[in-house]
Amino acid sequence: MTLAAFVRGVNVGGHKVFRPKALAEELSGVVSVGAAGTFVVRGAIAAGALRAEIGPRLPAGAEVMIRPGREVLDLVSREPFPPEASLTRDRRFVSVLGARPRKRPPFPLRAPAGSGWQVLVVGLQGAFVYGLWRPAKRSMVYPNEVVERELGVPATTRAWDTILKVAALLRGGDEGTDDGPLRGRGASPGEPRAARTRTARRDRRRSRGLRA
């Protein structure tokens, strides 16, 4: 079974520093996706066995959410966001839950409430919560803290672009390599190294604030 693994609580604000590339190099069949601690794991390994491999390599207090690859592919195939989302500057996100929700708030859910929302939680599909983030310059509200508070369980959040890259790898695509993170969006093997670096930095800036 191909699995997708999402690490929670690392590389946030310079704390609990974790090197996903190093872990991918240590474990066979593991592909690192970006710098937040997202992995596609190929081969016949159960979720429990994978957790036992990854857990001791994480900083204290960090944890990993592991989902079957088919669940990620199903989420992507359903195009969960409203059509108008692609026409705005709002950032699409997906939070991966670490347990069954303790609370079931009505969706859509806005934080703060009203037209001045920064986080709009659109819905829930299995272990995935999806929504839009409209960060303010002051008193910023983060998607992960809203999801954890409203559903009552630990979660870790990724940009939708990251989820799409995971799905591409699960389908057997070449958007990543077994020995490191994905190239930046739009980069190709034939691009100069400097161009790939600029693209990767741009993607990291866009996803900043979604990690947890």
C-alpha atoms as a PDB file:
ATOM      1  CA  MET A   1       0.000   0.000   0.000  1.00  0.00           C
ATOM      2  CA  THR A   2       1.288   3.459  -0.876  1.00  0.00           C
ATOM      3  CA  LEU A   3       0.966   5.857   2.037  1.00  0.00           C
ATOM      4  CA  ALA A   4       1.104   9.607   2.553  1.00  0.00           C
ATOM      5  CA  ALA A   5       2.667  10.897   5.775  1.00  0.00           C
ATOM      6  CA  PHE A   6       2.301  14.412   7.210  1.00  0.00           C
ATOM      7  CA  VAL A   7       4.466  15.521  10.137  1.00  0.00           C
ATOM      8  CA  ARG A   8       2.967  17.900  12.692  1.00  0.00           C
ATOM      9  CA  GLY A   9       4.826  20.426  14.807  1.00  0.00           C
ATOM     10  CA  VAL A  10       8.210  20.809  13.076  1.00  0.00           C
ATOM     11  CA  ASN A  11       9.994  23.680  11.330  1.00  0.00           C
ATOM     12  CA  VAL A  12       7.562  26.278  12.665  1.00  0.00           C
ATOM     13  CA  GLY A  13       9.085  29.628  13.597  1.00  0.00           C
ATOM     14  CA  GLY A  14      12.563  28.121  13.774  1.00  0.00           C
ATOM     15  CA  HIS A  15      11.575  25.606  16.447  1.00  0.00           C
ATOM     16  CA  LYS A  16      11.780  21.792  16.368  1.00  0.00           C
ATOM     17  CA  VAL A  17      14.036  21.849  13.330  1.00  0.00           C
ATOM     18  CA  PHE A  18      13.592  18.789  11.145  1.00  0.00           C
ATOM     19  CA  ARG A  19      15.250  17.818   7.857  1.00  0.00           C
ATOM     20  CA  PRO A  20      12.774  15.861   5.716  1.00  0.00           C
ATOM     21  CA  LYS A  21      15.376  15.192   3.041  1.00  0.00           C
ATOM     22  CA  ALA A  22      17.633  13.446   5.557  1.00  0.00           C
ATOM     23  CA  LEU A  23      14.801  11.174   6.677  1.00  0.00           C
ATOM     24  CA  ALA A  24      13.935  10.306   3.074  1.00  0.00           C
ATOM     25  CA  GLU A  25      17.550   9.337   2.490  1.00  0.00           C
ATOM     26  CA  GLU A  26      17.516   7.010   5.505  1.00  0.00           C
ATOM     27  CA  LEU A  27      14.339   5.125   4.604  1.00  0.00           C
ATOM     28  CA  SER A  28      13.807   3.077   1.470  1.00  0.00           C
ATOM     29  CA  GLY A  29      10.975   4.078  -0.860  1.00  0.00           C
ATOM     30  CA  VAL A  30      10.316   7.421   0.830  1.00  0.00           C
ATOM     31  CA  VAL A  31       9.902  10.602  -1.225  1.00  0.00           C
ATOM     32  CA  SER A  32      10.069  13.990   0.509  1.00  0.00           C
ATOM     33  CA  VAL A  33       7.675  16.700  -0.650  1.00  0.00           C
ATOM     34  CA  GLY A  34       8.814  20.184   0.357  1.00  0.00           C
ATOM     35  CA  ALA A  35      10.204  21.318   3.701  1.00  0.00           C
ATOM     36  CA  ALA A  36       7.236  20.927   6.068  1.00  0.00           C
ATOM     37  CA  GLY A  37       7.610  17.166   6.558  1.00  0.00           C
ATOM     38  CA  THR A  38       5.388  15.616   3.891  1.00  0.00           C
ATOM     39  CA  PHE A  39       6.201  12.200   2.432  1.00  0.00           C
ATOM     40  CA  VAL A  40       4.966   9.661  -0.086  1.00  0.00           C
ATOM     41  CA  VAL A  41       5.937   6.148   0.957  1.00  0.00           C
ATOM     42  CA  ARG A  42       6.046   3.456  -1.698  1.00  0.00           C
ATOM     43  CA  GLY A  43       6.147  -0.260  -1.046  1.00  0.00           C
ATOM     44  CA  ALA A  44       4.432  -2.816   1.153  1.00  0.00           C
ATOM     45  CA  ILE A  45       4.492  -1.242   4.614  1.00  0.00           C
ATOM     46  CA  ALA A  46       1.680  -0.868   7.113  1.00  0.00           C
ATOM     47  CA  ALA A  47       0.864   2.462   8.702  1.00  0.00           C
ATOM     48  CA  GLY A  48       1.901   1.204  12.135  1.00  0.00           C
ATOM     49  CA  ALA A  49       5.278   0.038  10.894  1.00  0.00           C
ATOM     50  CA  LEU A  50       5.863   3.349   9.126  1.00  0.00           C
ATOM     51  CA  ARG A  51       4.982   5.267  12.281  1.00  0.00           C
ATOM     52  CA  ALA A  52       7.493   3.174  14.205  1.00  0.00           C
ATOM     53  CA  GLU A  53      10.176   4.083  11.664  1.00  0.00           C
ATOM     54  CA  ILE A  54       9.445   7.801  11.483  1.00  0.00           C
ATOM     55  CA  GLY A  55       8.486   8.542  15.090  1.00  0.00           C
ATOM     56  CA  PRO A  56      11.929   8.102  16.707  1.00  0.00           C
ATOM     57  CA  ARG A  57      13.476  10.348  14.043  1.00  0.00           C
ATOM     58  CA  LEU A  58      11.230  13.319  14.870  1.00  0.00           C
ATOM     59  CA  PRO A  59      11.929  16.105  17.379  1.00  0.00           C
ATOM     60  CA  ALA A  60      10.342  15.703  20.800  1.00  0.00           C
ATOM     61  CA  GLY A  61       6.649  16.530  20.763  1.00  0.00           C
ATOM     62  CA  ALA A  62       6.234  16.140  17.005  1.00  0.00           C
ATOM     63  CA  GLU A  63       3.907  13.545  15.535  1.00  0.00           C
ATOM     64  CA  VAL A  64       2.982  12.114  12.162  1.00  0.00           C
ATOM     65  CA  MET A  65      -0.401  11.657  10.497  1.00  0.00           C
ATOM     66  CA  ILE A  66      -0.442   8.727   8.045  1.00  0.00           C
ATOM     67  CA  ARG A  67      -3.167   8.175   5.460  1.00  0.00           C
ATOM     68  CA  PRO A  68      -3.631   5.647   2.646  1.00  0.00           C
ATOM     69  CA  GLY A  69      -2.671   7.163  -0.672  1.00  0.00           C
ATOM     70  CA  ARG A  70      -6.094   6.380  -2.117  1.00  0.00           C
ATOM     71  CA  GLU A  71      -7.682   8.838   0.340  1.00  0.00           C
ATOM     72  CA  VAL A  72      -5.515  11.682  -0.977  1.00  0.00           C
ATOM     73  CA  LEU A  73      -6.326  10.739  -4.568  1.00  0.00           C
ATOM     74  CA  ASP A  74     -10.034  10.631  -3.763  1.00  0.00           C
ATOM     75  CA  LEU A  75      -9.895  14.100  -2.195  1.00  0.00           C
ATOM     76  CA  VAL A  76      -8.106  15.563  -5.219  1.00  0.00           C
ATOM     77  CA  SER A  77     -10.476  13.872  -7.673  1.00  0.00           C
ATOM     78  CA  ARG A  78     -13.479  15.487  -5.986  1.00  0.00           C
ATOM     79  CA  GLU A  79     -12.196  19.050  -6.498  1.00  0.00           C
ATOM     80  CA  PRO A  80     -13.460  20.035  -3.026  1.00  0.00           C
ATOM     81  CA  PHE A  81     -13.140  23.801  -3.354  1.00  0.00           C
ATOM     82  CA  PRO A  82     -15.857  26.021  -4.790  1.00  0.00           C
ATOM     83  CA  PRO A  83     -15.181  27.057  -8.416  1.00  0.00           C
ATOM     84  CA  GLU A  84     -14.782  30.720  -7.487  1.00  0.00           C
ATOM     85  CA  ALA A  85     -11.831  29.875  -5.209  1.00  0.00           C
ATOM     86  CA  SER A  86      -9.497  29.697  -8.190  1.00  0.00           C
ATOM     87  CA  LEU A  87     -10.445  33.264  -9.142  1.00  0.00           C
ATOM     88  CA  THR A  88      -9.366  34.844  -5.856  1.00  0.00           C
ATOM     89  CA  ARG A  89      -6.081  35.387  -4.042  1.00  0.00           C
ATOM     90  CA  ASP A  90      -7.260  33.250  -1.130  1.00  0.00           C
ATOM     91  CA  ARG A  91      -4.914  30.380  -0.335  1.00  0.00           C
ATOM     92  CA  ARG A  92      -6.412  26.900  -0.458  1.00  0.00           C
ATOM     93  CA  PHE A  93      -5.401  24.566   2.361  1.00  0.00           C
ATOM     94  CA  VAL A  94      -5.967  21.030   3.593  1.00  0.00           C
ATOM     95  CA  SER A  95      -5.622  19.989   7.236  1.00  0.00           C
ATOM     96  CA  VAL A  96      -4.931  16.334   8.016  1.00  0.00           C
ATOM     97  CA  LEU A  97      -6.572  15.208  11.257  1.00  0.00           C
ATOM     98  CA  GLY A  98      -4.769  13.004  13.754  1.00  0.00           C
ATOM     99  CA  ALA A  99      -7.971  11.420  15.112  1.00  0.00           C
ATOM    100  CA  ARG A 100     -11.728  11.374  14.633  1.00  0.00           C
ATOM    101  CA  PRO A 101     -13.171  14.842  15.293  1.00  0.00           C
ATOM    102  CA  ARG A 102     -14.466  15.318  18.823  1.00  0.00           C
ATOM    103  CA  LYS A 103     -16.706  18.124  17.622  1.00  0.00           C
ATOM    104  CA  ARG A 104     -18.651  18.556  14.375  1.00  0.00           C
ATOM    105  CA  PRO A 105     -19.176  22.267  13.744  1.00  0.00           C
ATOM    106  CA  PRO A 106     -21.477  23.323  10.915  1.00  0.00           C
ATOM    107  CA  PHE A 107     -19.736  24.202   7.653  1.00  0.00           C
ATOM    108  CA  PRO A 108     -18.837  26.594   6.214  1.00  0.00           C
ATOM    109  CA  LEU A 109     -17.096  27.968   9.291  1.00  0.00           C
ATOM    110  CA  ARG A 110     -15.519  31.431   9.382  1.00  0.00           C
ATOM    111  CA  ALA A 111     -12.845  32.726  11.730  1.00  0.00           C
ATOM    112  CA  PRO A 112     -13.305  35.408  12.740  1.00  0.00           C
ATOM    113  CA  ALA A 113     -17.020  35.313  12.053  1.00  0.00           C
ATOM    114  CA  GLY A 114     -18.526  37.568   9.419  1.00  0.00           C
ATOM    115  CA  SER A 115     -17.282  39.110   6.198  1.00  0.00           C
ATOM    116  CA  GLY A 116     -13.874  39.905   7.690  1.00  0.00           C
ATOM    117  CA  TRP A 117     -12.903  36.244   7.986  1.00  0.00           C
ATOM    118  CA  GLN A 118      -9.311  35.090   7.545  1.00  0.00           C
ATOM    119  CA  VAL A 119      -9.991  31.354   7.641  1.00  0.00           C
ATOM    120  CA  LEU A 120     -12.972  29.796   5.870  1.00  0.00           C
ATOM    121  CA  VAL A 121     -13.346  26.092   6.600  1.00  0.00           C
ATOM    122  CA  VAL A 122     -15.367  24.731   3.694  1.00  0.00           C
ATOM    123  CA  GLY A 123     -15.852  21.095   4.653  1.00  0.00           C
ATOM    124  CA  LEU A 124     -14.647  17.747   5.928  1.00  0.00           C
ATOM    125  CA  GLN A 125     -13.898  14.575   3.969  1.00  0.00           C
ATOM    126  CA  GLY A 126     -12.700  11.647   6.028  1.00  0.00           C
ATOM    127  CA  ALA A 127      -9.482  12.744   7.753  1.00  0.00           C
ATOM    128  CA  PHE A 128      -9.163  15.904   5.646  1.00  0.00           C
ATOM    129  CA  VAL A 129     -10.491  19.376   6.403  1.00  0.00           C
ATOM    130  CA  TYR A 130     -10.297  21.830   3.514  1.00  0.00           C
ATOM    131  CA  GLY A 131     -10.757  25.550   3.246  1.00  0.00           C
ATOM    132  CA  LEU A 132      -9.446  28.972   2.290  1.00  0.00           C
ATOM    133  CA  TRP A 133      -7.000  31.268   4.047  1.00  0.00           C
ATOM    134  CA  ARG A 134      -7.047  35.046   3.648  1.00  0.00           C
ATOM    135  CA  PRO A 135      -4.239  36.215   5.966  1.00  0.00           C
ATOM    136  CA  ALA A 136      -4.366  39.711   7.396  1.00  0.00           C
ATOM    137  CA  LYS A 137      -1.323  41.861   8.008  1.00  0.00           C
ATOM    138  CA  ARG A 138      -2.127  42.174  11.710  1.00  0.00           C
ATOM    139  CA  SER A 139      -3.630  39.765  14.232  1.00  0.00           C
ATOM    140  CA  MET A 140      -3.187  36.904  11.808  1.00  0.00           C
ATOM    141  CA  VAL A 141      -5.395  33.838  12.251  1.00  0.00           C
ATOM    142  CA  TYR A 142      -3.871  30.536  11.125  1.00  0.00           C
ATOM    143  CA  PRO A 143      -5.859  27.674   9.561  1.00  0.00           C
ATOM    144  CA  ASN A 144      -4.354  24.933  11.731  1.00  0.00           C
ATOM    145  CA  GLU A 145      -5.226  26.611  15.016  1.00  0.00           C
ATOM    146  CA  VAL A 146      -8.816  27.111  13.826  1.00  0.00           C
ATOM    147  CA  VAL A 147      -9.170  23.478  12.726  1.00  0.00           C
ATOM    148  CA  GLU A 148      -7.728  22.098  15.962  1.00  0.00           C
ATOM    149  CA  ARG A 149      -9.907  24.354  18.116  1.00  0.00           C
ATOM    150  CA  GLU A 150     -13.143  23.756  16.246  1.00  0.00           C
ATOM    151  CA  LEU A 151     -12.783  19.985  15.747  1.00  0.00           C
ATOM    152  CA  GLY A 152     -11.018  19.235  19.022  1.00  0.00           C
ATOM    153  CA  VAL A 153      -8.178  17.063  17.679  1.00  0.00           C
ATOM    154  CA  PRO A 154      -4.557  17.536  16.536  1.00  0.00           C
ATOM    155  CA  ALA A 155      -4.070  18.423  12.873  1.00  0.00           C
ATOM    156  CA  THR A 156      -1.365  19.468  10.470  1.00  0.00           C
ATOM    157  CA  THR A 157      -2.005  21.768   7.527  1.00  0.00           C
ATOM    158  CA  ARG A 158      -0.600  21.925   4.008  1.00  0.00           C
ATOM    159  CA  ALA A 159      -1.114  24.168   1.004  1.00  0.00           C
ATOM    160  CA  TRP A 160      -3.320  22.687  -1.714  1.00  0.00           C
ATOM    161  CA  ASP A 161      -0.356  22.790  -4.110  1.00  0.00           C
ATOM    162  CA  THR A 162       1.473  20.390  -1.789  1.00  0.00           C
ATOM    163  CA  ILE A 163      -1.492  18.010  -1.798  1.00  0.00           C
ATOM    164  CA  LEU A 164      -1.535  18.099  -5.599  1.00  0.00           C
ATOM    165  CA  LYS A 165       2.162  17.184  -5.682  1.00  0.00           C
ATOM    166  CA  VAL A 166       1.525  14.296  -3.306  1.00  0.00           C
ATOM    167  CA  ALA A 167      -1.287  13.095  -5.566  1.00  0.00           C
ATOM    168  CA  ALA A 168       0.967  13.269  -8.626  1.00  0.00           C
ATOM    169  CA  LEU A 169       3.550  11.093  -6.879  1.00  0.00           C
ATOM    170  CA  LEU A 170       0.880   8.653  -5.777  1.00  0.00           C
ATOM    171  CA  ARG A 171      -0.150   8.286  -9.412  1.00  0.00           C
ATOM    172  CA  GLY A 172       3.440   7.461 -10.275  1.00  0.00           C
ATOM    173  CA  GLY A 173       4.389  10.904 -11.569  1.00  0.00           C
ATOM    174  CA  ASP A 174       7.874  12.392 -11.536  1.00  0.00           C
ATOM    175  CA  GLU A 175       7.230  15.560  -9.535  1.00  0.00           C
ATOM    176  CA  GLY A 176       9.696  14.487  -6.876  1.00  0.00           C
ATOM    177  CA  THR A 177      12.780  12.370  -6.393  1.00  0.00           C
ATOM    178  CA  ASP A 178      13.553   9.676  -3.861  1.00  0.00           C
ATOM    179  CA  ASP A 179      16.546  11.590  -2.551  1.00  0.00           C
ATOM    180  CA  GLY A 180      15.036  14.986  -1.865  1.00  0.00           C
ATOM    181  CA  PRO A 181      12.150  17.430  -1.968  1.00  0.00           C
ATOM    182  CA  LEU A 182      10.166  18.333  -5.019  1.00  0.00           C
ATOM    183  CA  ARG A 183      11.335  20.949  -7.433  1.00  0.00           C
ATOM    184  CA  GLY A 184       9.435  24.189  -7.302  1.00  0.00           C
ATOM    185  CA  ARG A 185       6.151  24.371  -9.154  1.00  0.00           C
ATOM    186  CA  GLY A 186       6.680  24.856 -12.856  1.00  0.00           C
ATOM    187  CA  ALA A 187      10.340  23.895 -12.778  1.00  0.00           C
ATOM    188  CA  SER A 188      11.568  21.205 -15.110  1.00  0.00           C
ATOM    189  CA  PRO A 189      14.756  19.133 -15.128  1.00  0.00           C
ATOM    190  CA  GLY A 190      16.073  21.269 -17.979  1.00  0.00           C
ATOM    191  CA  GLU A 191      15.813  24.565 -16.125  1.00  0.00           C
ATOM    192  CA  PRO A 192      18.962  26.167 -14.737  1.00  0.00           C
ATOM    193  CA  ARG A 193      19.606  25.517 -11.061  1.00  0.00           C
ATOM    194  CA  ALA A 194      19.122  29.213 -10.226  1.00  0.00           C
ATOM    195  CA  ALA A 195      15.683  29.217 -11.836  1.00  0.00           C
ATOM    196  CA  ARG A 196      14.645  26.122  -9.890  1.00  0.00           C
ATOM    197  CA  THR A 197      15.886  27.727  -6.665  1.00  0.00           C
ATOM    198  CA  ARG A 198      13.905  30.926  -7.263  1.00  0.00           C
ATOM    199  CA  THR A 199      10.759  28.920  -7.983  1.00  0.00           C
ATOM    200  CA  ALA A 200      11.180  26.803  -4.857  1.00  0.00           C
ATOM    201  CA  ARG A 201      11.668  29.924  -2.712  1.00  0.00           C
ATOM    202  CA  ARG A 202       8.505  31.440  -4.138  1.00  0.00           C
ATOM    203  CA  ASP A 203       6.528  28.309  -3.275  1.00  0.00           C
ATOM    204  CA  ARG A 204       7.872  28.306   0.271  1.00  0.00           C
ATOM    205  CA  ARG A 205       6.794  31.919   0.741  1.00  0.00           C
ATOM    206  CA  ARG A 206       3.300  31.126  -0.496  1.00  0.00           C
ATOM    207  CA  SER A 207       2.881  28.166   1.856  1.00  0.00           C
ATOM    208  CA  ARG A 208       4.364  29.937   4.906  1.00  0.00           C
ATOM    209  CA  GLY A 209       1.934  30.035   7.760  1.00  0.00           C
ATOM    210  CA  LEU A 210       0.150  26.838   6.752  1.00  0.00           C
ATOM    211  CA  ARG A 211       2.573  24.495   8.481  1.00  0.00           C
ATOM    212  CA  ALA A 212       1.786  23.038  11.858  1.00  0.00           C
END
